[in-house]
Amino acid sequence: MTIRQTVSFDSSPETVYKALTSADEFSKATGAPAEIASGEGGAFSCFGGQITGRHVELVPNKRIVQAWRAGPWDEGVYSVVRFDISASGSTTTVLMEHAGFPDGAAEHLDGGWHKMYWEPLKAFLE
């Protein structure tokens, strides 16, 4: 199963990309501790370690691909999250696809993306 969500921000692709890849910006947006390395292969930890992983691919202002896991998952279990970022006028759209997560996690993850990522980011960026 794959979760697909599309969200738009009244902000530039650069600002959206930075909010997703900068520990300072992500922490300001969500109000939660984050550590995010800047390069491909770099580790990240968000929400005080509840979400961890590594950057698989970073194309500045266009795409982020992460090996991503939630804390309660079995050790060594990772999913793949892809953010495709595109601009249309003064609006930036993020198409997020999340695949490869454990059975039974879809409903929690689907709601979590809205509550923990999109709503705080929208309030912060706009």
PDB file of N, CA and C in Angstrom:
ATOM      1  N   MET A   1       0.843  -1.181   0.000  1.00  0.00           N
ATOM      2  CA  MET A   1       0.000   0.000   0.000  1.00  0.00           C
ATOM      3  C   MET A   1       0.894   1.252   0.000  1.00  0.00           C
ATOM      4  N   THR A   2       0.424   2.271  -0.666  1.00  0.00           N
ATOM      5  CA  THR A   2       1.130   3.549  -0.725  1.00  0.00           C
ATOM      6  C   THR A   2       0.180   4.663  -0.317  1.00  0.00           C
ATOM      7  N   ILE A   3       0.647   5.542   0.542  1.00  0.00           N
ATOM      8  CA  ILE A   3      -0.105   6.749   0.898  1.00  0.00           C
ATOM      9  C   ILE A   3       0.359   7.841  -0.048  1.00  0.00           C
ATOM     10  N   ARG A   4      -0.590   8.515  -0.687  1.00  0.00           N
ATOM     11  CA  ARG A   4      -0.294   9.653  -1.565  1.00  0.00           C
ATOM     12  C   ARG A   4      -1.073  10.854  -1.059  1.00  0.00           C
ATOM     13  N   GLN A   5      -0.362  11.931  -0.840  1.00  0.00           N
ATOM     14  CA  GLN A   5      -1.001  13.171  -0.408  1.00  0.00           C
ATOM     15  C   GLN A   5      -0.415  14.331  -1.190  1.00  0.00           C
ATOM     16  N   THR A   6      -1.270  15.277  -1.511  1.00  0.00           N
ATOM     17  CA  THR A   6      -0.844  16.491  -2.198  1.00  0.00           C
ATOM     18  C   THR A   6      -1.244  17.675  -1.338  1.00  0.00           C
ATOM     19  N   VAL A   7      -0.289  18.550  -1.100  1.00  0.00           N
ATOM     20  CA  VAL A   7      -0.549  19.740  -0.297  1.00  0.00           C
ATOM     21  C   VAL A   7       0.107  20.929  -0.985  1.00  0.00           C
ATOM     22  N   SER A   8      -0.549  22.080  -0.908  1.00  0.00           N
ATOM     23  CA  SER A   8      -0.020  23.296  -1.527  1.00  0.00           C
ATOM     24  C   SER A   8       0.245  24.344  -0.462  1.00  0.00           C
ATOM     25  N   PHE A   9       1.298  25.120  -0.706  1.00  0.00           N
ATOM     26  CA  PHE A   9       1.702  26.180   0.207  1.00  0.00           C
ATOM     27  C   PHE A   9       1.844  27.481  -0.569  1.00  0.00           C
ATOM     28  N   ASP A  10       1.462  28.578   0.046  1.00  0.00           N
ATOM     29  CA  ASP A  10       1.696  29.898  -0.530  1.00  0.00           C
ATOM     30  C   ASP A  10       3.115  30.311  -0.156  1.00  0.00           C
ATOM     31  N   SER A  11       4.067  29.651  -0.784  1.00  0.00           N
ATOM     32  CA  SER A  11       5.478  29.829  -0.464  1.00  0.00           C
ATOM     33  C   SER A  11       6.300  29.331  -1.643  1.00  0.00           C
ATOM     34  N   SER A  12       7.569  29.664  -1.673  1.00  0.00           N
ATOM     35  CA  SER A  12       8.442  29.242  -2.767  1.00  0.00           C
ATOM     36  C   SER A  12       8.913  27.796  -2.570  1.00  0.00           C
ATOM     37  N   PRO A  13       9.311  27.115  -3.659  1.00  0.00           N
ATOM     38  CA  PRO A  13       9.887  25.770  -3.519  1.00  0.00           C
ATOM     39  C   PRO A  13      11.110  25.762  -2.601  1.00  0.00           C
ATOM     40  N   GLU A  14      11.924  26.810  -2.673  1.00  0.00           N
ATOM     41  CA  GLU A  14      13.113  26.894  -1.826  1.00  0.00           C
ATOM     42  C   GLU A  14      12.747  26.904  -0.346  1.00  0.00           C
ATOM     43  N   THR A  15      11.714  27.663   0.001  1.00  0.00           N
ATOM     44  CA  THR A  15      11.283  27.766   1.393  1.00  0.00           C
ATOM     45  C   THR A  15      10.695  26.453   1.888  1.00  0.00           C
ATOM     46  N   VAL A  16       9.910  25.796   1.045  1.00  0.00           N
ATOM     47  CA  VAL A  16       9.310  24.508   1.412  1.00  0.00           C
ATOM     48  C   VAL A  16      10.401  23.450   1.575  1.00  0.00           C
ATOM     49  N   TYR A  17      11.317  23.386   0.623  1.00  0.00           N
ATOM     50  CA  TYR A  17      12.424  22.428   0.682  1.00  0.00           C
ATOM     51  C   TYR A  17      13.231  22.635   1.973  1.00  0.00           C
ATOM     52  N   LYS A  18      13.537  23.878   2.281  1.00  0.00           N
ATOM     53  CA  LYS A  18      14.315  24.186   3.478  1.00  0.00           C
ATOM     54  C   LYS A  18      13.562  23.772   4.746  1.00  0.00           C
ATOM     55  N   ALA A  19      12.261  23.980   4.772  1.00  0.00           N
ATOM     56  CA  ALA A  19      11.463  23.601   5.939  1.00  0.00           C
ATOM     57  C   ALA A  19      11.481  22.093   6.168  1.00  0.00           C
ATOM     58  N   LEU A  20      11.624  21.321   5.095  1.00  0.00           N
ATOM     59  CA  LEU A  20      11.660  19.859   5.208  1.00  0.00           C
ATOM     60  C   LEU A  20      13.060  19.296   5.421  1.00  0.00           C
ATOM     61  N   THR A  21      14.098  20.091   5.151  1.00  0.00           N
ATOM     62  CA  THR A  21      15.468  19.562   5.221  1.00  0.00           C
ATOM     63  C   THR A  21      16.378  20.292   6.202  1.00  0.00           C
ATOM     64  N   SER A  22      15.887  21.297   6.865  1.00  0.00           N
ATOM     65  CA  SER A  22      16.674  22.047   7.852  1.00  0.00           C
ATOM     66  C   SER A  22      16.126  21.772   9.249  1.00  0.00           C
ATOM     67  N   ALA A  23      16.988  21.321  10.147  1.00  0.00           N
ATOM     68  CA  ALA A  23      16.545  21.031  11.514  1.00  0.00           C
ATOM     69  C   ALA A  23      15.937  22.277  12.170  1.00  0.00           C
ATOM     70  N   ASP A  24      16.581  23.425  11.996  1.00  0.00           N
ATOM     71  CA  ASP A  24      16.067  24.651  12.609  1.00  0.00           C
ATOM     72  C   ASP A  24      14.683  25.001  12.078  1.00  0.00           C
ATOM     73  N   GLU A  25      14.533  24.978  10.768  1.00  0.00           N
ATOM     74  CA  GLU A  25      13.249  25.338  10.160  1.00  0.00           C
ATOM     75  C   GLU A  25      12.161  24.325  10.526  1.00  0.00           C
ATOM     76  N   PHE A  26      12.496  23.032  10.466  1.00  0.00           N
ATOM     77  CA  PHE A  26      11.515  21.996  10.792  1.00  0.00           C
ATOM     78  C   PHE A  26      11.082  22.115  12.246  1.00  0.00           C
ATOM     79  N   SER A  27      12.029  22.359  13.140  1.00  0.00           N
ATOM     80  CA  SER A  27      11.699  22.525  14.558  1.00  0.00           C
ATOM     81  C   SER A  27      10.822  23.751  14.798  1.00  0.00           C
ATOM     82  N   LYS A  28      11.140  24.848  14.121  1.00  0.00           N
ATOM     83  CA  LYS A  28      10.311  26.052  14.247  1.00  0.00           C
ATOM     84  C   LYS A  28       8.892  25.779  13.766  1.00  0.00           C
ATOM     85  N   ALA A  29       8.770  25.051  12.660  1.00  0.00           N
ATOM     86  CA  ALA A  29       7.455  24.773  12.086  1.00  0.00           C
ATOM     87  C   ALA A  29       6.617  23.850  12.962  1.00  0.00           C
ATOM     88  N   THR A  30       7.242  22.804  13.479  1.00  0.00           N
ATOM     89  CA  THR A  30       6.488  21.780  14.204  1.00  0.00           C
ATOM     90  C   THR A  30       6.488  21.975  15.713  1.00  0.00           C
ATOM     91  N   GLY A  31       7.433  22.773  16.218  1.00  0.00           N
ATOM     92  CA  GLY A  31       7.550  22.940  17.654  1.00  0.00           C
ATOM     93  C   GLY A  31       8.174  21.741  18.352  1.00  0.00           C
ATOM     94  N   ALA A  32       8.766  20.836  17.566  1.00  0.00           N
ATOM     95  CA  ALA A  32       9.354  19.615  18.120  1.00  0.00           C
ATOM     96  C   ALA A  32      10.833  19.532  17.758  1.00  0.00           C
ATOM     97  N   PRO A  33      11.634  18.881  18.600  1.00  0.00           N
ATOM     98  CA  PRO A  33      13.068  18.749  18.322  1.00  0.00           C
ATOM     99  C   PRO A  33      13.331  17.962  17.035  1.00  0.00           C
ATOM    100  N   ALA A  34      14.328  18.419  16.284  1.00  0.00           N
ATOM    101  CA  ALA A  34      14.730  17.733  15.050  1.00  0.00           C
ATOM    102  C   ALA A  34      16.230  17.866  14.861  1.00  0.00           C
ATOM    103  N   GLU A  35      16.821  16.828  14.299  1.00  0.00           N
ATOM    104  CA  GLU A  35      18.213  16.846  13.855  1.00  0.00           C
ATOM    105  C   GLU A  35      18.185  16.336  12.421  1.00  0.00           C
ATOM    106  N   ILE A  36      18.650  17.148  11.484  1.00  0.00           N
ATOM    107  CA  ILE A  36      18.572  16.782  10.071  1.00  0.00           C
ATOM    108  C   ILE A  36      19.897  17.104   9.400  1.00  0.00           C
ATOM    109  N   ALA A  37      20.591  16.067   8.934  1.00  0.00           N
ATOM    110  CA  ALA A  37      21.839  16.260   8.189  1.00  0.00           C
ATOM    111  C   ALA A  37      21.519  16.850   6.831  1.00  0.00           C
ATOM    112  N   SER A  38      22.479  17.552   6.253  1.00  0.00           N
ATOM    113  CA  SER A  38      22.192  18.296   5.028  1.00  0.00           C
ATOM    114  C   SER A  38      22.442  17.539   3.727  1.00  0.00           C
ATOM    115  N   GLY A  39      23.159  16.443   3.730  1.00  0.00           N
ATOM    116  CA  GLY A  39      23.515  15.796   2.474  1.00  0.00           C
ATOM    117  C   GLY A  39      22.892  14.424   2.293  1.00  0.00           C
ATOM    118  N   GLU A  40      22.969  13.933   1.051  1.00  0.00           N
ATOM    119  CA  GLU A  40      22.497  12.582   0.760  1.00  0.00           C
ATOM    120  C   GLU A  40      23.241  11.587   1.633  1.00  0.00           C
ATOM    121  N   GLY A  41      22.517  10.630   2.164  1.00  0.00           N
ATOM    122  CA  GLY A  41      23.090   9.653   3.069  1.00  0.00           C
ATOM    123  C   GLY A  41      23.065  10.096   4.517  1.00  0.00           C
ATOM    124  N   GLY A  42      22.793  11.384   4.730  1.00  0.00           N
ATOM    125  CA  GLY A  42      22.759  11.928   6.082  1.00  0.00           C
ATOM    126  C   GLY A  42      21.539  11.466   6.851  1.00  0.00           C
ATOM    127  N   ALA A  43      21.704  11.362   8.155  1.00  0.00           N
ATOM    128  CA  ALA A  43      20.630  10.913   9.034  1.00  0.00           C
ATOM    129  C   ALA A  43      19.730  12.073   9.435  1.00  0.00           C
ATOM    130  N   PHE A  44      18.496  11.729   9.796  1.00  0.00           N
ATOM    131  CA  PHE A  44      17.587  12.709  10.370  1.00  0.00           C
ATOM    132  C   PHE A  44      16.812  12.071  11.517  1.00  0.00           C
ATOM    133  N   SER A  45      16.375  12.913  12.419  1.00  0.00           N
ATOM    134  CA  SER A  45      15.562  12.509  13.553  1.00  0.00           C
ATOM    135  C   SER A  45      14.584  13.654  13.808  1.00  0.00           C
ATOM    136  N   CYS A  46      13.308  13.346  13.799  1.00  0.00           N
ATOM    137  CA  CYS A  46      12.281  14.375  13.979  1.00  0.00           C
ATOM    138  C   CYS A  46      11.361  14.009  15.139  1.00  0.00           C
ATOM    139  N   PHE A  47      10.736  15.017  15.697  1.00  0.00           N
ATOM    140  CA  PHE A  47       9.797  14.835  16.794  1.00  0.00           C
ATOM    141  C   PHE A  47      10.464  14.123  17.971  1.00  0.00           C
ATOM    142  N   GLY A  48      11.677  14.572  18.293  1.00  0.00           N
ATOM    143  CA  GLY A  48      12.396  14.018  19.424  1.00  0.00           C
ATOM    144  C   GLY A  48      12.763  12.553  19.265  1.00  0.00           C
ATOM    145  N   GLY A  49      12.967  12.123  18.020  1.00  0.00           N
ATOM    146  CA  GLY A  49      13.372  10.745  17.757  1.00  0.00           C
ATOM    147  C   GLY A  49      12.237   9.795  17.431  1.00  0.00           C
ATOM    148  N   GLN A  50      11.010  10.300  17.374  1.00  0.00           N
ATOM    149  CA  GLN A  50       9.880   9.434  17.019  1.00  0.00           C
ATOM    150  C   GLN A  50       9.955   8.978  15.564  1.00  0.00           C
ATOM    151  N   ILE A  51      10.544   9.815  14.711  1.00  0.00           N
ATOM    152  CA  ILE A  51      10.753   9.490  13.301  1.00  0.00           C
ATOM    153  C   ILE A  51      12.250   9.608  13.031  1.00  0.00           C
ATOM    154  N   THR A  52      12.836   8.580  12.419  1.00  0.00           N
ATOM    155  CA  THR A  52      14.262   8.615  12.093  1.00  0.00           C
ATOM    156  C   THR A  52      14.471   8.045  10.695  1.00  0.00           C
ATOM    157  N   GLY A  53      15.647   8.312  10.142  1.00  0.00           N
ATOM    158  CA  GLY A  53      15.956   7.753   8.833  1.00  0.00           C
ATOM    159  C   GLY A  53      17.168   8.391   8.208  1.00  0.00           C
ATOM    160  N   ARG A  54      17.253   8.234   6.887  1.00  0.00           N
ATOM    161  CA  ARG A  54      18.377   8.788   6.115  1.00  0.00           C
ATOM    162  C   ARG A  54      17.848   9.362   4.806  1.00  0.00           C
ATOM    163  N   HIS A  55      18.552  10.392   4.341  1.00  0.00           N
ATOM    164  CA  HIS A  55      18.251  10.956   3.024  1.00  0.00           C
ATOM    165  C   HIS A  55      18.833  10.021   1.964  1.00  0.00           C
ATOM    166  N   VAL A  56      17.997   9.542   1.081  1.00  0.00           N
ATOM    167  CA  VAL A  56      18.434   8.687  -0.014  1.00  0.00           C
ATOM    168  C   VAL A  56      18.785   9.538  -1.229  1.00  0.00           C
ATOM    169  N   GLU A  57      17.955  10.548  -1.493  1.00  0.00           N
ATOM    170  CA  GLU A  57      18.172  11.448  -2.630  1.00  0.00           C
ATOM    171  C   GLU A  57      17.698  12.842  -2.252  1.00  0.00           C
ATOM    172  N   LEU A  58      18.519  13.833  -2.574  1.00  0.00           N
ATOM    173  CA  LEU A  58      18.161  15.232  -2.362  1.00  0.00           C
ATOM    174  C   LEU A  58      18.434  16.004  -3.644  1.00  0.00           C
ATOM    175  N   VAL A  59      17.383  16.527  -4.243  1.00  0.00           N
ATOM    176  CA  VAL A  59      17.499  17.401  -5.404  1.00  0.00           C
ATOM    177  C   VAL A  59      16.950  18.746  -4.935  1.00  0.00           C
ATOM    178  N   PRO A  60      17.827  19.694  -4.616  1.00  0.00           N
ATOM    179  CA  PRO A  60      17.387  20.934  -3.994  1.00  0.00           C
ATOM    180  C   PRO A  60      16.183  21.575  -4.682  1.00  0.00           C
ATOM    181  N   ASN A  61      15.191  21.873  -3.835  1.00  0.00           N
ATOM    182  CA  ASN A  61      13.966  22.571  -4.230  1.00  0.00           C
ATOM    183  C   ASN A  61      13.065  21.766  -5.155  1.00  0.00           C
ATOM    184  N   LYS A  62      13.381  20.478  -5.384  1.00  0.00           N
ATOM    185  CA  LYS A  62      12.580  19.652  -6.296  1.00  0.00           C
ATOM    186  C   LYS A  62      12.166  18.303  -5.725  1.00  0.00           C
ATOM    187  N   ARG A  63      13.100  17.603  -5.045  1.00  0.00           N
ATOM    188  CA  ARG A  63      12.775  16.245  -4.602  1.00  0.00           C
ATOM    189  C   ARG A  63      13.581  15.864  -3.368  1.00  0.00           C
ATOM    190  N   ILE A  64      12.893  15.133  -2.480  1.00  0.00           N
ATOM    191  CA  ILE A  64      13.515  14.553  -1.289  1.00  0.00           C
ATOM    192  C   ILE A  64      13.032  13.106  -1.228  1.00  0.00           C
ATOM    193  N   VAL A  65      13.965  12.170  -1.118  1.00  0.00           N
ATOM    194  CA  VAL A  65      13.613  10.765  -0.921  1.00  0.00           C
ATOM    195  C   VAL A  65      14.317  10.312   0.348  1.00  0.00           C
ATOM    196  N   GLN A  66      13.537   9.693   1.241  1.00  0.00           N
ATOM    197  CA  GLN A  66      14.083   9.290   2.534  1.00  0.00           C
ATOM    198  C   GLN A  66      13.755   7.833   2.848  1.00  0.00           C
ATOM    199  N   ALA A  67      14.714   7.130   3.455  1.00  0.00           N
ATOM    200  CA  ALA A  67      14.433   5.885   4.159  1.00  0.00           C
ATOM    201  C   ALA A  67      13.926   6.347   5.526  1.00  0.00           C
ATOM    202  N   TRP A  68      12.709   5.978   5.889  1.00  0.00           N
ATOM    203  CA  TRP A  68      11.964   6.626   6.970  1.00  0.00           C
ATOM    204  C   TRP A  68      11.370   5.550   7.869  1.00  0.00           C
ATOM    205  N   ARG A  69      11.462   5.765   9.175  1.00  0.00           N
ATOM    206  CA  ARG A  69      10.863   4.788  10.096  1.00  0.00           C
ATOM    207  C   ARG A  69      10.293   5.475  11.330  1.00  0.00           C
ATOM    208  N   ALA A  70       9.252   4.880  11.869  1.00  0.00           N
ATOM    209  CA  ALA A  70       8.659   5.343  13.121  1.00  0.00           C
ATOM    210  C   ALA A  70       9.260   4.535  14.265  1.00  0.00           C
ATOM    211  N   GLY A  71       9.429   5.156  15.413  1.00  0.00           N
ATOM    212  CA  GLY A  71      10.067   4.539  16.567  1.00  0.00           C
ATOM    213  C   GLY A  71       9.521   3.187  16.989  1.00  0.00           C
ATOM    214  N   PRO A  72       8.199   2.986  16.979  1.00  0.00           N
ATOM    215  CA  PRO A  72       7.678   1.706  17.466  1.00  0.00           C
ATOM    216  C   PRO A  72       7.854   0.522  16.500  1.00  0.00           C
ATOM    217  N   TRP A  73       8.271   0.795  15.278  1.00  0.00           N
ATOM    218  CA  TRP A  73       8.428  -0.299  14.313  1.00  0.00           C
ATOM    219  C   TRP A  73       9.557  -1.221  14.744  1.00  0.00           C
ATOM    220  N   ASP A  74       9.492  -2.466  14.279  1.00  0.00           N
ATOM    221  CA  ASP A  74      10.557  -3.424  14.566  1.00  0.00           C
ATOM    222  C   ASP A  74      11.897  -2.880  14.083  1.00  0.00           C
ATOM    223  N   GLU A  75      12.937  -3.226  14.793  1.00  0.00           N
ATOM    224  CA  GLU A  75      14.281  -2.787  14.440  1.00  0.00           C
ATOM    225  C   GLU A  75      14.604  -3.187  12.997  1.00  0.00           C
ATOM    226  N   GLY A  76      15.204  -2.263  12.263  1.00  0.00           N
ATOM    227  CA  GLY A  76      15.603  -2.535  10.886  1.00  0.00           C
ATOM    228  C   GLY A  76      14.508  -2.367   9.847  1.00  0.00           C
ATOM    229  N   VAL A  77      13.287  -2.016  10.261  1.00  0.00           N
ATOM    230  CA  VAL A  77      12.176  -1.832   9.319  1.00  0.00           C
ATOM    231  C   VAL A  77      12.117  -0.366   8.890  1.00  0.00           C
ATOM    232  N   TYR A  78      12.253  -0.145   7.593  1.00  0.00           N
ATOM    233  CA  TYR A  78      12.190   1.200   7.020  1.00  0.00           C
ATOM    234  C   TYR A  78      11.176   1.230   5.886  1.00  0.00           C
ATOM    235  N   SER A  79      10.581   2.379   5.696  1.00  0.00           N
ATOM    236  CA  SER A  79       9.728   2.640   4.547  1.00  0.00           C
ATOM    237  C   SER A  79      10.435   3.676   3.678  1.00  0.00           C
ATOM    238  N   VAL A  80       9.828   4.035   2.553  1.00  0.00           N
ATOM    239  CA  VAL A  80      10.387   5.055   1.671  1.00  0.00           C
ATOM    240  C   VAL A  80       9.374   6.184   1.529  1.00  0.00           C
ATOM    241  N   VAL A  81       9.846   7.397   1.783  1.00  0.00           N
ATOM    242  CA  VAL A  81       9.017   8.591   1.618  1.00  0.00           C
ATOM    243  C   VAL A  81       9.647   9.445   0.530  1.00  0.00           C
ATOM    244  N   ARG A  82       8.803   9.886  -0.401  1.00  0.00           N
ATOM    245  CA  ARG A  82       9.265  10.739  -1.505  1.00  0.00           C
ATOM    246  C   ARG A  82       8.421  12.006  -1.512  1.00  0.00           C
ATOM    247  N   PHE A  83       9.109  13.147  -1.533  1.00  0.00           N
ATOM    248  CA  PHE A  83       8.455  14.448  -1.655  1.00  0.00           C
ATOM    249  C   PHE A  83       8.855  15.030  -3.008  1.00  0.00           C
ATOM    250  N   ASP A  84       7.897  15.247  -3.893  1.00  0.00           N
ATOM    251  CA  ASP A  84       8.147  15.947  -5.154  1.00  0.00           C
ATOM    252  C   ASP A  84       7.595  17.355  -5.000  1.00  0.00           C
ATOM    253  N   ILE A  85       8.455  18.340  -5.219  1.00  0.00           N
ATOM    254  CA  ILE A  85       8.131  19.743  -4.977  1.00  0.00           C
ATOM    255  C   ILE A  85       8.090  20.473  -6.314  1.00  0.00           C
ATOM    256  N   SER A  86       6.976  21.179  -6.577  1.00  0.00           N
ATOM    257  CA  SER A  86       6.864  21.917  -7.835  1.00  0.00           C
ATOM    258  C   SER A  86       6.145  23.241  -7.592  1.00  0.00           C
ATOM    259  N   ALA A  87       6.472  24.208  -8.447  1.00  0.00           N
ATOM    260  CA  ALA A  87       5.890  25.549  -8.325  1.00  0.00           C
ATOM    261  C   ALA A  87       4.878  25.796  -9.425  1.00  0.00           C
ATOM    262  N   SER A  88       3.872  26.577  -9.074  1.00  0.00           N
ATOM    263  CA  SER A  88       2.887  27.065 -10.036  1.00  0.00           C
ATOM    264  C   SER A  88       2.520  28.472  -9.584  1.00  0.00           C
ATOM    265  N   GLY A  89       3.114  29.457 -10.251  1.00  0.00           N
ATOM    266  CA  GLY A  89       2.919  30.839  -9.821  1.00  0.00           C
ATOM    267  C   GLY A  89       3.534  31.048  -8.453  1.00  0.00           C
ATOM    268  N   SER A  90       2.753  31.574  -7.509  1.00  0.00           N
ATOM    269  CA  SER A  90       3.260  31.825  -6.162  1.00  0.00           C
ATOM    270  C   SER A  90       2.981  30.659  -5.212  1.00  0.00           C
ATOM    271  N   THR A  91       2.467  29.572  -5.760  1.00  0.00           N
ATOM    272  CA  THR A  91       2.128  28.401  -4.948  1.00  0.00           C
ATOM    273  C   THR A  91       3.114  27.264  -5.201  1.00  0.00           C
ATOM    274  N   THR A  92       3.455  26.566  -4.151  1.00  0.00           N
ATOM    275  CA  THR A  92       4.304  25.379  -4.255  1.00  0.00           C
ATOM    276  C   THR A  92       3.493  24.173  -3.834  1.00  0.00           C
ATOM    277  N   THR A  93       3.540  23.127  -4.657  1.00  0.00           N
ATOM    278  CA  THR A  93       2.822  21.895  -4.371  1.00  0.00           C
ATOM    279  C   THR A  93       3.810  20.799  -4.020  1.00  0.00           C
ATOM    280  N   VAL A  94       3.471  20.049  -2.986  1.00  0.00           N
ATOM    281  CA  VAL A  94       4.257  18.885  -2.588  1.00  0.00           C
ATOM    282  C   VAL A  94       3.396  17.651  -2.793  1.00  0.00           C
ATOM    283  N   LEU A  95       3.888  16.740  -3.623  1.00  0.00           N
ATOM    284  CA  LEU A  95       3.267  15.426  -3.766  1.00  0.00           C
ATOM    285  C   LEU A  95       4.103  14.478  -2.919  1.00  0.00           C
ATOM    286  N   MET A  96       3.492  13.912  -1.883  1.00  0.00           N
ATOM    287  CA  MET A  96       4.193  13.003  -0.987  1.00  0.00           C
ATOM    288  C   MET A  96       3.680  11.591  -1.228  1.00  0.00           C
ATOM    289  N   GLU A  97       4.617  10.662  -1.386  1.00  0.00           N
ATOM    290  CA  GLU A  97       4.278   9.246  -1.484  1.00  0.00           C
ATOM    291  C   GLU A  97       5.045   8.501  -0.407  1.00  0.00           C
ATOM    292  N   HIS A  98       4.326   7.696   0.358  1.00  0.00           N
ATOM    293  CA  HIS A  98       4.925   6.936   1.456  1.00  0.00           C
ATOM    294  C   HIS A  98       4.587   5.470   1.222  1.00  0.00           C
ATOM    295  N   ALA A  99       5.610   4.637   1.014  1.00  0.00           N
ATOM    296  CA  ALA A  99       5.403   3.224   0.685  1.00  0.00           C
ATOM    297  C   ALA A  99       6.300   2.333   1.531  1.00  0.00           C
ATOM    298  N   GLY A 100       5.899   1.078   1.651  1.00  0.00           N
ATOM    299  CA  GLY A 100       6.733   0.079   2.300  1.00  0.00           C
ATOM    300  C   GLY A 100       6.650   0.059   3.815  1.00  0.00           C
ATOM    301  N   PHE A 101       5.595   0.615   4.386  1.00  0.00           N
ATOM    302  CA  PHE A 101       5.447   0.636   5.835  1.00  0.00           C
ATOM    303  C   PHE A 101       4.781  -0.666   6.301  1.00  0.00           C
ATOM    304  N   PRO A 102       4.889  -0.983   7.593  1.00  0.00           N
ATOM    305  CA  PRO A 102       4.330  -2.233   8.113  1.00  0.00           C
ATOM    306  C   PRO A 102       2.807  -2.314   7.954  1.00  0.00           C
ATOM    307  N   ASP A 103       2.324  -3.527   7.822  1.00  0.00           N
ATOM    308  CA  ASP A 103       0.876  -3.762   7.765  1.00  0.00           C
ATOM    309  C   ASP A 103       0.212  -3.153   8.986  1.00  0.00           C
ATOM    310  N   GLY A 104      -0.951  -2.553   8.771  1.00  0.00           N
ATOM    311  CA  GLY A 104      -1.715  -1.967   9.855  1.00  0.00           C
ATOM    312  C   GLY A 104      -1.325  -0.541  10.213  1.00  0.00           C
ATOM    313  N   ALA A 105      -0.296   0.009   9.559  1.00  0.00           N
ATOM    314  CA  ALA A 105       0.171   1.352   9.910  1.00  0.00           C
ATOM    315  C   ALA A 105      -0.437   2.451   9.048  1.00  0.00           C
ATOM    316  N   ALA A 106      -1.126   2.100   7.979  1.00  0.00           N
ATOM    317  CA  ALA A 106      -1.583   3.095   6.995  1.00  0.00           C
ATOM    318  C   ALA A 106      -2.482   4.170   7.595  1.00  0.00           C
ATOM    319  N   GLU A 107      -3.475   3.795   8.361  1.00  0.00           N
ATOM    320  CA  GLU A 107      -4.425   4.777   8.885  1.00  0.00           C
ATOM    321  C   GLU A 107      -3.728   5.775   9.809  1.00  0.00           C
ATOM    322  N   HIS A 108      -2.892   5.271  10.697  1.00  0.00           N
ATOM    323  CA  HIS A 108      -2.154   6.148  11.615  1.00  0.00           C
ATOM    324  C   HIS A 108      -1.226   7.088  10.838  1.00  0.00           C
ATOM    325  N   LEU A 109      -0.493   6.545   9.869  1.00  0.00           N
ATOM    326  CA  LEU A 109       0.434   7.367   9.086  1.00  0.00           C
ATOM    327  C   LEU A 109      -0.313   8.402   8.252  1.00  0.00           C
ATOM    328  N   ASP A 110      -1.398   8.002   7.624  1.00  0.00           N
ATOM    329  CA  ASP A 110      -2.159   8.923   6.774  1.00  0.00           C
ATOM    330  C   ASP A 110      -2.595  10.154   7.571  1.00  0.00           C
ATOM    331  N   GLY A 111      -3.149   9.954   8.737  1.00  0.00           N
ATOM    332  CA  GLY A 111      -3.565  11.070   9.582  1.00  0.00           C
ATOM    333  C   GLY A 111      -2.382  11.826  10.162  1.00  0.00           C
ATOM    334  N   GLY A 112      -1.319  11.094  10.466  1.00  0.00           N
ATOM    335  CA  GLY A 112      -0.132  11.705  11.051  1.00  0.00           C
ATOM    336  C   GLY A 112       0.546  12.695  10.127  1.00  0.00           C
ATOM    337  N   TRP A 113       0.560  12.387   8.836  1.00  0.00           N
ATOM    338  CA  TRP A 113       1.164  13.331   7.887  1.00  0.00           C
ATOM    339  C   TRP A 113       0.442  14.669   7.948  1.00  0.00           C
ATOM    340  N   HIS A 114      -0.877  14.646   7.999  1.00  0.00           N
ATOM    341  CA  HIS A 114      -1.635  15.902   8.058  1.00  0.00           C
ATOM    342  C   HIS A 114      -1.386  16.632   9.379  1.00  0.00           C
ATOM    343  N   LYS A 115      -1.531  15.904  10.486  1.00  0.00           N
ATOM    344  CA  LYS A 115      -1.436  16.522  11.804  1.00  0.00           C
ATOM    345  C   LYS A 115      -0.020  16.975  12.153  1.00  0.00           C
ATOM    346  N   MET A 116       0.972  16.150  11.830  1.00  0.00           N
ATOM    347  CA  MET A 116       2.337  16.416  12.288  1.00  0.00           C
ATOM    348  C   MET A 116       3.194  17.186  11.280  1.00  0.00           C
ATOM    349  N   TYR A 117       2.872  17.066   9.987  1.00  0.00           N
ATOM    350  CA  TYR A 117       3.672  17.731   8.942  1.00  0.00           C
ATOM    351  C   TYR A 117       2.902  18.885   8.292  1.00  0.00           C
ATOM    352  N   TRP A 118       1.829  18.563   7.583  1.00  0.00           N
ATOM    353  CA  TRP A 118       1.203  19.553   6.696  1.00  0.00           C
ATOM    354  C   TRP A 118       0.556  20.707   7.445  1.00  0.00           C
ATOM    355  N   GLU A 119      -0.200  20.441   8.486  1.00  0.00           N
ATOM    356  CA  GLU A 119      -0.855  21.535   9.204  1.00  0.00           C
ATOM    357  C   GLU A 119       0.153  22.484   9.855  1.00  0.00           C
ATOM    358  N   PRO A 120       1.168  21.977  10.580  1.00  0.00           N
ATOM    359  CA  PRO A 120       2.154  22.894  11.151  1.00  0.00           C
ATOM    360  C   PRO A 120       2.974  23.623  10.089  1.00  0.00           C
ATOM    361  N   LEU A 121       3.349  22.925   9.010  1.00  0.00           N
ATOM    362  CA  LEU A 121       4.119  23.576   7.948  1.00  0.00           C
ATOM    363  C   LEU A 121       3.315  24.672   7.271  1.00  0.00           C
ATOM    364  N   LYS A 122       2.037  24.413   7.037  1.00  0.00           N
ATOM    365  CA  LYS A 122       1.184  25.422   6.403  1.00  0.00           C
ATOM    366  C   LYS A 122       1.099  26.668   7.293  1.00  0.00           C
ATOM    367  N   ALA A 123       0.885  26.471   8.584  1.00  0.00           N
ATOM    368  CA  ALA A 123       0.807  27.603   9.512  1.00  0.00           C
ATOM    369  C   ALA A 123       2.138  28.356   9.558  1.00  0.00           C
ATOM    370  N   PHE A 124       3.251  27.657   9.521  1.00  0.00           N
ATOM    371  CA  PHE A 124       4.570  28.269   9.586  1.00  0.00           C
ATOM    372  C   PHE A 124       4.927  29.003   8.297  1.00  0.00           C
ATOM    373  N   LEU A 125       4.630  28.420   7.156  1.00  0.00           N
ATOM    374  CA  LEU A 125       5.060  28.976   5.870  1.00  0.00           C
ATOM    375  C   LEU A 125       4.146  30.071   5.341  1.00  0.00           C
ATOM    376  N   GLU A 126       2.925  30.076   5.780  1.00  0.00           N
ATOM    377  CA  GLU A 126       1.981  31.051   5.221  1.00  0.00           C
ATOM    378  C   GLU A 126       1.675  32.078   6.214  1.00  0.00           C
TER     379      GLU A 126
END
